Amino acid sequence: MQPIADAPPRVRSAPRIAIALGACAATLLGTASCAAPTTESLDHSGALERLEARSDPFELERALERAALHRSPVTLPNDPLSVEPDDPAYWLVRALAWSPEVRASARTVSAAIADSKSAGAPQPIGFGLTDHEFGGDDERVELVATFDLLGLLGIGPARSERERAAAAVVVAAAELESEIWRSWLTVDAARLRFQAAAARERLLAEVLEQASADFDRIVILHERGWIGDAPAAAARAAVGSVERARSSVAADVAARRATLAHAAGVPPEDGAFEALLAPDRPASEPALRPNAELGDGALFEHPRLRELRTRFALREAEVRSVATSAWPNVGIGPHLGYEDDLAIGGVLQLTLPFPSSWRGRLAGAVERRDAVIEAYEDELHLLLVEERSARERRDEIHRRTTGATRLVVEGSTAGWSAARASFRVGRMPVLEWIDALYRRLGATTAEIDDAEALALAQVALAGARGPAGTRLPWQDERATEVTP
């Protein structure tokens, strides 16, 4: 009997190899399509150059375009680039362009818009390759590809995710509007404080000059023995008190200049600050002037309340998005198999989530949504409280300015002038001159203090009433009048 020869080894056929190569090619193509964003570097010298370029009108225009890119309801002057530094609108325009909070919020809006373009996209395409006997003689090879059916149709979780992303864009835009309004309140208050401090320094410098001139005479009289050591020392201390007060206010001017520079994004050495230091420049006029009456609809349009309404819509969209987590994931696609012949079929894949994977998240989303309802109520209450407080402060400061403050300033000024005149002709003792100087020192800045407090109360009242209840420098009063 002849021995049976060994069977020749089976060679994998071309279709099987083609399927394997196709799977490998799909994997390589998927890897090659990975995003490769451009790199950016944080350069210190570049940051310094950009800071210096802020005085360039072109850079200012670009910054204003970025801030107004998302159609914020906040208006601007017709020609914001031509506003002069002595105009209060100048500082509002700079805050809109360079305020750190506004710039960050504008970037957040751009990021939210970019994120929304990928929201609700189908789940990744799934590939599966099965070799039933890897390296063996079994010819069975299967290739499966699955596609997210609900994502392709744009229903279920995909739709809710798009709605959530759209709501997030609206929230970011509302936050930008709120930051713009907040930055205007901040820069206007900072400008008023800076101008008031500069006015205080000028007045104290005048009193110091007057007191120093009289003190020179006191020194001469003391050297000749006509004034004792104690009165001369007391006079020296009184003049030193005036100098100390002036120095303290000068330091306050520097600090307030820095605050204004940061709020407006303007370098502290910028020449725009000199326009605010003119002696004849009033320091008590705010740029944001509240209308005579609040009006029924002003608070409803307040940026802080509008932001919360948009946030509520976002929380509601998040509730719906979590609710769609209970939906099954449906995958559908082709199925290629090969053993002796190539077979083409289909595959349906269902992924059923466990109820515990979404029930807790849904309850949490509902709580966060309901929390916004309470936050809206609390914010409305806070605005009403702030509005009344600012209005009462404004009225009381106005009464004080035209009443007690005027009496104090007029009396101390007249007393100081009379004391100086009497002292120069030798009809008043040094101690009475010192007493008059202290009274003048105590009342020197009273009018400026009240003017600053009154202006800041008006800004606070404008902040509580919102843009709908406030007149901007470039708006006609009749155009912004709110009906009581």
Protein backbone atom coordinates (compact mmCIF):
# COMPACT_ATOMS: atom_id res chain seq x y z
CA MET A 1 0.00 0.00 0.00
CA GLN A 2 1.33 3.35 -1.03
CA PRO A 3 1.68 5.89 1.80
CA ILE A 4 -0.73 8.79 1.68
CA ALA A 5 1.09 11.98 0.82
CA ASP A 6 0.67 15.00 3.09
CA ALA A 7 -1.84 17.54 1.82
CA PRO A 8 -0.26 20.79 0.59
CA PRO A 9 -0.68 23.72 2.99
CA ARG A 10 -3.62 25.98 2.24
CA VAL A 11 -2.71 29.49 1.25
CA ARG A 12 -4.88 32.37 2.43
CA SER A 13 -6.86 33.64 -0.50
CA ALA A 14 -6.77 37.15 -1.91
CA PRO A 15 -10.22 38.23 -0.62
CA ARG A 16 -9.24 37.37 2.95
CA ILE A 17 -6.02 39.33 2.62
CA ALA A 18 -7.91 42.22 0.97
CA ILE A 19 -10.34 42.40 3.88
CA ALA A 20 -7.50 42.48 6.38
CA LEU A 21 -5.68 45.13 4.36
CA GLY A 22 -8.90 47.16 4.12
CA ALA A 23 -9.27 47.11 7.88
CA CYS A 24 -5.68 48.21 8.32
CA ALA A 25 -6.13 50.98 5.76
CA ALA A 26 -9.25 52.22 7.55
CA THR A 27 -7.32 52.32 10.81
CA LEU A 28 -4.44 54.20 9.23
CA LEU A 29 -6.78 56.70 7.57
CA GLY A 30 -8.50 57.32 10.87
CA THR A 31 -5.18 57.93 12.55
CA ALA A 32 -4.01 60.24 9.77
CA SER A 33 -7.16 62.33 10.04
CA CYS A 34 -6.46 63.28 13.67
CA ALA A 35 -6.54 67.02 14.27
CA ALA A 36 -3.21 68.80 14.25
CA PRO A 37 -3.85 72.34 15.56
CA THR A 38 -1.25 75.00 15.10
CA THR A 39 0.92 75.68 18.10
CA GLU A 40 1.10 79.03 19.84
CA SER A 41 3.61 80.41 22.31
CA LEU A 42 3.25 82.79 25.22
CA ASP A 43 5.91 85.42 24.58
CA HIS A 44 6.65 88.03 27.25
CA SER A 45 8.17 90.49 24.79
CA GLY A 46 5.21 90.02 22.48
CA ALA A 47 2.84 90.85 25.34
CA LEU A 48 4.76 94.06 26.00
CA GLU A 49 4.51 95.01 22.33
CA ARG A 50 0.76 94.40 22.33
CA LEU A 51 0.35 96.56 25.42
CA GLU A 52 2.24 99.39 23.74
CA ALA A 53 0.11 98.98 20.61
CA ARG A 54 -3.12 99.65 22.49
CA SER A 55 -2.76 103.35 21.71
CA ASP A 56 -2.95 102.51 18.00
CA PRO A 57 -6.46 103.32 16.64
CA PHE A 58 -6.29 100.23 14.43
CA GLU A 59 -5.76 97.95 17.43
CA LEU A 60 -8.55 99.72 19.30
CA GLU A 61 -10.90 99.19 16.38
CA ARG A 62 -10.03 95.50 16.23
CA ALA A 63 -10.64 95.12 19.96
CA LEU A 64 -14.02 96.84 19.69
CA GLU A 65 -14.97 94.55 16.83
CA ARG A 66 -14.12 91.49 18.92
CA ALA A 67 -16.17 92.75 21.85
CA ALA A 68 -19.16 93.65 19.65
CA LEU A 69 -18.85 90.55 17.50
CA HIS A 70 -21.77 88.80 19.12
CA ARG A 71 -24.31 91.60 18.69
CA SER A 72 -24.47 92.71 22.26
CA PRO A 73 -27.36 95.13 22.84
CA VAL A 74 -24.90 97.57 24.43
CA THR A 75 -24.49 100.55 22.10
CA LEU A 76 -21.43 102.64 21.25
CA PRO A 77 -20.82 106.21 20.06
CA ASN A 78 -21.12 106.79 16.33
CA ASP A 79 -17.35 107.28 16.04
CA PRO A 80 -15.75 105.69 19.12
CA LEU A 81 -12.21 106.19 17.80
CA SER A 82 -12.51 109.98 17.83
CA VAL A 83 -13.73 110.39 21.43
CA GLU A 84 -11.34 112.62 23.39
CA PRO A 85 -9.92 111.66 26.82
CA ASP A 86 -11.77 114.51 28.56
CA ASP A 87 -15.07 112.95 27.44
CA PRO A 88 -16.37 110.32 29.93
CA ALA A 89 -17.31 108.16 26.95
CA TYR A 90 -13.59 107.77 26.20
CA TRP A 91 -13.13 105.56 29.25
CA LEU A 92 -16.23 103.50 28.51
CA VAL A 93 -14.91 102.78 25.01
CA ARG A 94 -11.53 101.73 26.42
CA ALA A 95 -13.16 99.47 28.97
CA LEU A 96 -15.16 97.80 26.22
CA ALA A 97 -11.99 97.21 24.22
CA TRP A 98 -9.43 96.36 26.91
CA SER A 99 -11.20 95.36 30.12
CA PRO A 100 -9.72 91.98 31.16
CA GLU A 101 -13.14 90.64 32.12
CA VAL A 102 -14.74 91.72 28.84
CA ARG A 103 -11.91 90.24 26.78
CA ALA A 104 -12.13 86.93 28.65
CA SER A 105 -15.91 86.85 28.28
CA ALA A 106 -15.69 87.56 24.55
CA ARG A 107 -13.28 84.64 24.19
CA THR A 108 -15.76 82.47 26.09
CA VAL A 109 -18.46 83.36 23.57
CA SER A 110 -16.17 82.48 20.66
CA ALA A 111 -15.26 79.19 22.33
CA ALA A 112 -18.93 78.37 22.95
CA ILE A 113 -19.74 79.04 19.30
CA ALA A 114 -16.86 76.81 18.21
CA ASP A 115 -17.92 74.05 20.61
CA SER A 116 -21.49 74.17 19.30
CA LYS A 117 -20.28 73.22 15.82
CA SER A 118 -19.33 69.77 17.13
CA ALA A 119 -22.32 69.35 19.41
CA GLY A 120 -24.65 66.50 18.54
CA ALA A 121 -22.21 64.92 16.10
CA PRO A 122 -22.61 61.17 15.52
CA GLN A 123 -20.65 58.81 17.71
CA PRO A 124 -17.34 57.50 16.30
CA ILE A 125 -17.54 54.92 13.55
CA GLY A 126 -16.82 51.47 14.89
CA PHE A 127 -14.78 48.86 13.02
CA GLY A 128 -14.37 45.23 13.96
CA LEU A 129 -12.24 42.54 12.29
CA THR A 130 -12.56 38.91 13.33
CA ASP A 131 -10.15 36.19 12.22
CA HIS A 132 -11.60 32.94 13.56
CA GLU A 133 -8.26 31.16 13.50
CA PHE A 134 -5.44 33.63 13.56
CA GLY A 135 -2.52 32.13 11.66
CA GLY A 136 -4.43 28.90 11.06
CA ASP A 137 -6.20 27.29 8.18
CA ASP A 138 -9.70 28.56 8.94
CA GLU A 139 -10.65 30.95 6.16
CA ARG A 140 -13.46 32.68 8.05
CA VAL A 141 -12.85 36.44 8.29
CA GLU A 142 -15.48 39.00 9.27
CA LEU A 143 -15.38 42.80 9.04
CA VAL A 144 -18.04 44.88 10.77
CA ALA A 145 -18.57 48.65 10.65
CA THR A 146 -21.20 50.41 12.76
CA PHE A 147 -22.54 53.95 12.48
CA ASP A 148 -24.47 55.95 15.07
CA LEU A 149 -27.97 55.91 13.59
CA LEU A 150 -29.55 58.40 16.00
CA GLY A 151 -26.63 60.76 15.54
CA LEU A 152 -26.88 60.58 11.76
CA LEU A 153 -30.61 61.28 11.93
CA GLY A 154 -30.08 64.08 14.42
CA ILE A 155 -32.63 62.84 16.94
CA GLY A 156 -32.56 61.82 20.57
CA PRO A 157 -29.27 62.55 22.36
CA ALA A 158 -27.81 64.28 19.30
CA ARG A 159 -30.64 66.78 19.12
CA SER A 160 -30.63 67.50 22.85
CA GLU A 161 -26.87 68.03 22.79
CA ARG A 162 -27.19 70.57 19.97
CA GLU A 163 -29.91 72.38 21.90
CA ARG A 164 -27.73 72.41 25.00
CA ALA A 165 -24.78 73.81 23.04
CA ALA A 166 -26.97 76.50 21.47
CA ALA A 167 -28.22 77.48 24.93
CA ALA A 168 -24.60 77.64 26.15
CA VAL A 169 -23.81 80.14 23.38
CA VAL A 170 -26.73 82.32 24.46
CA VAL A 171 -25.55 82.16 28.08
CA ALA A 172 -22.02 83.17 27.07
CA ALA A 173 -23.38 86.11 25.07
CA ALA A 174 -25.50 87.21 28.04
CA GLU A 175 -22.46 86.95 30.31
CA LEU A 176 -20.55 89.14 27.85
CA GLU A 177 -23.28 91.78 28.00
CA SER A 178 -23.26 91.61 31.78
CA GLU A 179 -19.46 91.96 31.88
CA ILE A 180 -19.60 94.97 29.54
CA TRP A 181 -22.12 96.68 31.78
CA ARG A 182 -20.14 95.78 34.90
CA SER A 183 -16.90 97.06 33.33
CA TRP A 184 -18.58 100.37 32.48
CA LEU A 185 -19.77 100.78 36.05
CA THR A 186 -16.28 99.94 37.31
CA VAL A 187 -14.41 102.28 34.99
CA ASP A 188 -16.85 105.15 35.54
CA ALA A 189 -16.53 104.84 39.31
CA ALA A 190 -12.74 104.56 39.01
CA ARG A 191 -12.60 107.72 36.89
CA LEU A 192 -14.72 109.64 39.40
CA ARG A 193 -12.55 108.49 42.31
CA PHE A 194 -9.36 109.43 40.47
CA GLN A 195 -10.63 112.91 39.59
CA ALA A 196 -11.89 113.47 43.14
CA ALA A 197 -8.54 112.48 44.63
CA ALA A 198 -6.72 114.82 42.24
CA ALA A 199 -9.08 117.67 43.20
CA ARG A 200 -8.43 116.98 46.90
CA GLU A 201 -4.69 117.17 46.32
CA ARG A 202 -5.02 120.53 44.55
CA LEU A 203 -7.07 122.03 47.37
CA LEU A 204 -4.78 120.71 50.09
CA ALA A 205 -1.78 122.03 48.18
CA GLU A 206 -3.41 125.49 48.16
CA VAL A 207 -4.06 125.36 51.91
CA LEU A 208 -0.49 124.13 52.49
CA GLU A 209 0.89 127.01 50.44
CA GLN A 210 -1.14 129.51 52.47
CA ALA A 211 -0.19 127.94 55.80
CA SER A 212 3.49 127.73 54.82
CA ALA A 213 3.54 131.42 53.93
CA ASP A 214 2.14 132.32 57.34
CA PHE A 215 4.47 129.87 59.06
CA ASP A 216 7.49 131.67 57.60
CA ARG A 217 6.37 134.74 59.55
CA ILE A 218 5.91 132.60 62.68
CA VAL A 219 9.52 131.38 62.37
CA ILE A 220 10.80 134.95 62.15
CA LEU A 221 8.73 136.03 65.14
CA HIS A 222 9.94 133.02 67.12
CA GLU A 223 13.58 133.75 66.30
CA ARG A 224 13.12 137.31 67.58
CA GLY A 225 11.55 136.04 70.78
CA TRP A 226 8.10 137.49 70.12
CA ILE A 227 6.49 134.00 69.99
CA GLY A 228 7.20 131.32 72.55
CA ASP A 229 8.53 127.83 71.87
CA ALA A 230 5.21 126.09 72.55
CA PRO A 231 3.10 128.14 70.08
CA ALA A 232 5.82 127.86 67.44
CA ALA A 233 6.00 124.08 67.85
CA ALA A 234 2.20 123.84 67.71
CA ALA A 235 2.18 125.88 64.50
CA ARG A 236 4.88 123.63 63.03
CA ALA A 237 2.75 120.57 63.88
CA ALA A 238 -0.34 122.14 62.32
CA VAL A 239 1.48 122.85 59.05
CA GLY A 240 2.91 119.33 59.16
CA SER A 241 -0.63 117.96 59.48
CA VAL A 242 -1.61 119.74 56.28
CA GLU A 243 1.48 118.39 54.51
CA ARG A 244 0.73 114.90 55.77
CA ALA A 245 -2.85 115.11 54.51
CA ARG A 246 -1.65 116.32 51.10
CA SER A 247 0.92 113.52 50.88
CA SER A 248 -1.67 110.91 51.81
CA VAL A 249 -4.02 112.17 49.12
CA ALA A 250 -1.16 112.24 46.57
CA ALA A 251 -0.54 108.56 47.27
CA ASP A 252 -4.27 107.96 46.87
CA VAL A 253 -4.13 109.67 43.47
CA ALA A 254 -1.44 107.23 42.34
CA ALA A 255 -3.42 104.24 43.59
CA ARG A 256 -6.61 105.42 41.92
CA ARG A 257 -4.76 106.10 38.69
CA ALA A 258 -3.61 102.48 38.73
CA THR A 259 -7.16 101.26 39.37
CA LEU A 260 -8.50 103.32 36.47
CA ALA A 261 -5.66 102.22 34.21
CA HIS A 262 -6.42 98.56 34.87
CA ALA A 263 -10.18 98.98 34.47
CA ALA A 264 -9.76 100.77 31.13
CA GLY A 265 -6.76 98.77 29.94
CA VAL A 266 -4.79 101.99 29.45
CA PRO A 267 -1.10 102.27 30.45
CA PRO A 268 -0.77 104.41 33.61
CA GLU A 269 1.67 106.74 31.86
CA ASP A 270 -0.80 107.42 29.05
CA GLY A 271 -1.42 111.09 28.33
CA ALA A 272 -5.18 110.56 28.63
CA PHE A 273 -4.90 110.87 32.41
CA GLU A 274 -3.64 114.44 32.12
CA ALA A 275 -6.96 115.47 30.58
CA LEU A 276 -8.68 114.40 33.79
CA LEU A 277 -6.35 116.50 35.95
CA ALA A 278 -7.25 119.90 34.52
CA PRO A 279 -8.11 122.26 37.40
CA ASP A 280 -11.30 123.44 35.71
CA ARG A 281 -12.46 119.88 34.99
CA PRO A 282 -15.50 118.93 37.12
CA ALA A 283 -14.98 115.68 38.96
CA SER A 284 -18.56 114.99 39.90
CA GLU A 285 -20.22 114.15 36.58
CA PRO A 286 -20.75 110.42 36.01
CA ALA A 287 -20.93 109.08 32.49
CA LEU A 288 -23.79 106.74 33.40
CA ARG A 289 -26.77 108.85 34.41
CA PRO A 290 -29.89 107.11 35.76
CA ASN A 291 -33.19 108.27 34.34
CA ALA A 292 -35.64 110.18 36.51
CA GLU A 293 -37.78 107.12 37.14
CA LEU A 294 -37.09 103.40 37.17
CA GLY A 295 -39.89 102.25 34.89
CA ASP A 296 -41.63 98.88 34.90
CA GLY A 297 -39.54 97.21 32.22
CA ALA A 298 -36.07 98.45 33.14
CA LEU A 299 -35.23 95.70 35.62
CA PHE A 300 -36.54 92.98 33.31
CA GLU A 301 -33.92 94.02 30.75
CA HIS A 302 -31.13 94.21 33.33
CA PRO A 303 -28.08 92.21 32.14
CA ARG A 304 -27.84 90.31 35.44
CA LEU A 305 -31.43 89.10 35.13
CA ARG A 306 -31.09 88.42 31.41
CA GLU A 307 -28.04 86.29 32.16
CA LEU A 308 -30.01 84.22 34.68
CA ARG A 309 -32.88 83.72 32.23
CA THR A 310 -30.47 82.38 29.64
CA ARG A 311 -28.84 80.21 32.30
CA PHE A 312 -32.24 78.77 33.16
CA ALA A 313 -32.73 77.86 29.50
CA LEU A 314 -29.33 76.16 29.57
CA ARG A 315 -30.22 74.17 32.70
CA GLU A 316 -33.50 73.15 31.07
CA ALA A 317 -31.59 71.96 28.01
CA GLU A 318 -29.25 70.02 30.28
CA VAL A 319 -32.25 68.30 31.88
CA ARG A 320 -33.46 67.21 28.44
CA SER A 321 -29.95 66.15 27.47
CA VAL A 322 -29.62 63.93 30.54
CA ALA A 323 -33.11 62.53 29.93
CA THR A 324 -32.05 61.34 26.48
CA SER A 325 -29.31 59.31 28.17
CA ALA A 326 -32.05 56.74 28.77
CA TRP A 327 -32.33 56.20 25.04
CA PRO A 328 -30.54 53.14 23.63
CA ASN A 329 -27.60 53.71 21.35
CA VAL A 330 -28.37 52.29 17.93
CA GLY A 331 -25.52 51.26 15.65
CA ILE A 332 -26.09 50.10 12.10
CA GLY A 333 -23.67 49.19 9.35
CA PRO A 334 -22.36 46.60 6.87
CA HIS A 335 -21.06 43.16 7.70
CA LEU A 336 -18.51 41.56 5.37
CA GLY A 337 -17.66 37.89 5.78
CA TYR A 338 -15.47 35.50 3.87
CA GLU A 339 -14.97 31.80 4.08
CA ASP A 340 -15.27 30.25 0.66
CA ASP A 341 -17.07 33.20 -0.88
CA LEU A 342 -17.53 36.84 0.06
CA ALA A 343 -20.77 37.43 1.91
CA ILE A 344 -22.24 40.91 2.41
CA GLY A 345 -24.76 41.53 5.15
CA GLY A 346 -25.70 44.05 7.79
CA VAL A 347 -25.41 44.50 11.53
CA LEU A 348 -27.65 46.17 14.08
CA GLN A 349 -26.17 46.97 17.49
CA LEU A 350 -28.11 48.19 20.51
CA THR A 351 -26.53 49.55 23.66
CA LEU A 352 -28.99 49.76 26.53
CA PRO A 353 -27.98 52.01 29.45
CA PHE A 354 -28.62 50.91 33.00
CA PRO A 355 -31.27 53.11 34.67
CA SER A 356 -28.86 53.89 37.49
CA SER A 357 -26.50 55.53 34.98
CA TRP A 358 -28.91 58.38 34.27
CA ARG A 359 -31.48 58.62 37.07
CA GLY A 360 -29.12 60.29 39.54
CA ARG A 361 -27.77 62.65 36.90
CA LEU A 362 -31.31 63.58 35.89
CA ALA A 363 -32.26 64.39 39.48
CA GLY A 364 -29.13 66.52 39.83
CA ALA A 365 -29.89 68.38 36.59
CA VAL A 366 -33.42 69.13 37.81
CA GLU A 367 -32.03 70.52 41.08
CA ARG A 368 -29.58 72.77 39.22
CA ARG A 369 -32.38 74.03 36.99
CA ASP A 370 -34.66 74.79 39.94
CA ALA A 371 -31.77 76.53 41.71
CA VAL A 372 -31.69 79.11 38.90
CA ILE A 373 -35.34 79.95 39.61
CA GLU A 374 -34.41 80.78 43.18
CA ALA A 375 -31.28 82.64 42.06
CA TYR A 376 -33.39 84.80 39.74
CA GLU A 377 -35.71 85.66 42.59
CA ASP A 378 -32.76 86.51 44.85
CA GLU A 379 -31.06 88.61 42.17
CA LEU A 380 -34.26 90.55 41.51
CA HIS A 381 -34.60 91.22 45.23
CA LEU A 382 -30.96 92.36 45.38
CA LEU A 383 -31.46 94.78 42.48
CA LEU A 384 -34.53 96.27 44.14
CA VAL A 385 -32.60 96.69 47.39
CA GLU A 386 -29.61 98.21 45.58
CA GLU A 387 -31.85 100.56 43.61
CA ARG A 388 -33.59 101.88 46.70
CA SER A 389 -30.37 102.16 48.69
CA ALA A 390 -28.58 104.08 45.92
CA ARG A 391 -31.58 106.37 45.41
CA GLU A 392 -31.83 107.18 49.12
CA ARG A 393 -28.07 107.76 49.37
CA ARG A 394 -28.15 110.08 46.38
CA ASP A 395 -31.01 112.14 47.79
CA GLU A 396 -29.46 112.37 51.26
CA ILE A 397 -26.03 113.36 49.92
CA HIS A 398 -27.66 116.01 47.73
CA ARG A 399 -29.44 117.51 50.75
CA ARG A 400 -26.19 117.44 52.73
CA THR A 401 -24.26 119.11 49.92
CA THR A 402 -26.66 122.04 49.71
CA GLY A 403 -27.08 122.27 53.49
CA ALA A 404 -24.64 121.25 56.21
CA THR A 405 -21.61 120.84 53.97
CA ARG A 406 -22.02 124.29 52.49
CA LEU A 407 -22.25 125.82 55.96
CA VAL A 408 -19.13 123.99 57.15
CA VAL A 409 -17.07 124.91 54.08
CA GLU A 410 -18.18 128.53 53.97
CA GLY A 411 -17.64 128.98 57.69
CA SER A 412 -14.20 127.37 57.79
CA THR A 413 -13.06 129.22 54.66
CA ALA A 414 -14.21 132.58 55.99
CA GLY A 415 -12.69 131.87 59.39
CA TRP A 416 -9.37 130.87 57.85
CA SER A 417 -9.25 133.98 55.66
CA ALA A 418 -10.07 136.22 58.61
CA ALA A 419 -7.50 134.49 60.81
CA ARG A 420 -4.77 134.95 58.21
CA ALA A 421 -5.61 138.60 57.76
CA SER A 422 -5.66 139.25 61.51
CA PHE A 423 -2.45 137.32 62.07
CA ARG A 424 -0.58 139.29 59.41
CA VAL A 425 -1.39 142.58 61.16
CA GLY A 426 -0.59 141.16 64.59
CA ARG A 427 -4.13 141.17 65.97
CA MET A 428 -4.50 137.39 66.50
CA PRO A 429 -2.49 135.03 68.71
CA VAL A 430 -0.76 132.08 67.07
CA LEU A 431 -2.95 129.54 68.86
CA GLU A 432 -6.09 131.03 67.32
CA TRP A 433 -4.41 130.93 63.89
CA ILE A 434 -3.62 127.24 64.50
CA ASP A 435 -7.23 126.55 65.49
CA ALA A 436 -8.50 128.22 62.31
CA LEU A 437 -6.03 126.18 60.23
CA TYR A 438 -7.25 122.90 61.71
CA ARG A 439 -10.87 123.87 61.05
CA ARG A 440 -9.97 124.73 57.47
CA LEU A 441 -8.08 121.47 57.08
CA GLY A 442 -11.03 119.45 58.33
CA ALA A 443 -13.42 121.08 55.87
CA THR A 444 -11.08 121.50 52.89
CA THR A 445 -12.26 118.43 51.00
CA ALA A 446 -15.84 118.28 52.31
CA GLU A 447 -17.39 119.53 49.07
CA ILE A 448 -15.25 117.20 46.98
CA ASP A 449 -16.08 114.29 49.27
CA ASP A 450 -19.79 114.95 48.89
CA ALA A 451 -19.52 115.48 45.13
CA GLU A 452 -17.68 112.17 44.79
CA ALA A 453 -20.17 110.35 47.01
CA LEU A 454 -23.09 111.83 45.06
CA ALA A 455 -21.60 110.81 41.72
CA LEU A 456 -20.83 107.29 42.96
CA ALA A 457 -24.39 106.98 44.26
CA GLN A 458 -25.63 107.90 40.79
CA VAL A 459 -23.38 105.24 39.26
CA ALA A 460 -24.67 102.70 41.77
CA LEU A 461 -28.24 103.70 40.93
CA ALA A 462 -27.49 103.27 37.23
CA GLY A 463 -25.96 99.88 37.97
CA ALA A 464 -29.09 98.75 39.78
CA ARG A 465 -31.44 100.02 37.07
CA GLY A 466 -29.43 98.64 34.16
CA PRO A 467 -28.92 100.03 30.65
CA ALA A 468 -32.68 100.34 30.06
CA GLY A 469 -32.93 102.75 32.99
CA THR A 470 -29.73 104.67 32.29
CA ARG A 471 -28.72 107.41 29.88
CA LEU A 472 -25.35 106.88 28.22
CA PRO A 473 -23.17 109.87 27.24
CA TRP A 474 -23.84 109.45 23.53
CA GLN A 475 -27.58 108.83 23.80
CA ASP A 476 -30.27 111.45 23.48
CA GLU A 477 -32.18 111.83 26.74
CA ARG A 478 -35.55 111.52 25.06
CA ALA A 479 -34.52 108.36 23.26
CA THR A 480 -33.77 106.57 26.51
CA GLU A 481 -36.53 107.94 28.71
CA VAL A 482 -38.27 105.12 30.56
CA THR A 483 -41.98 105.56 31.09
CA PRO A 484 -42.83 105.41 34.81
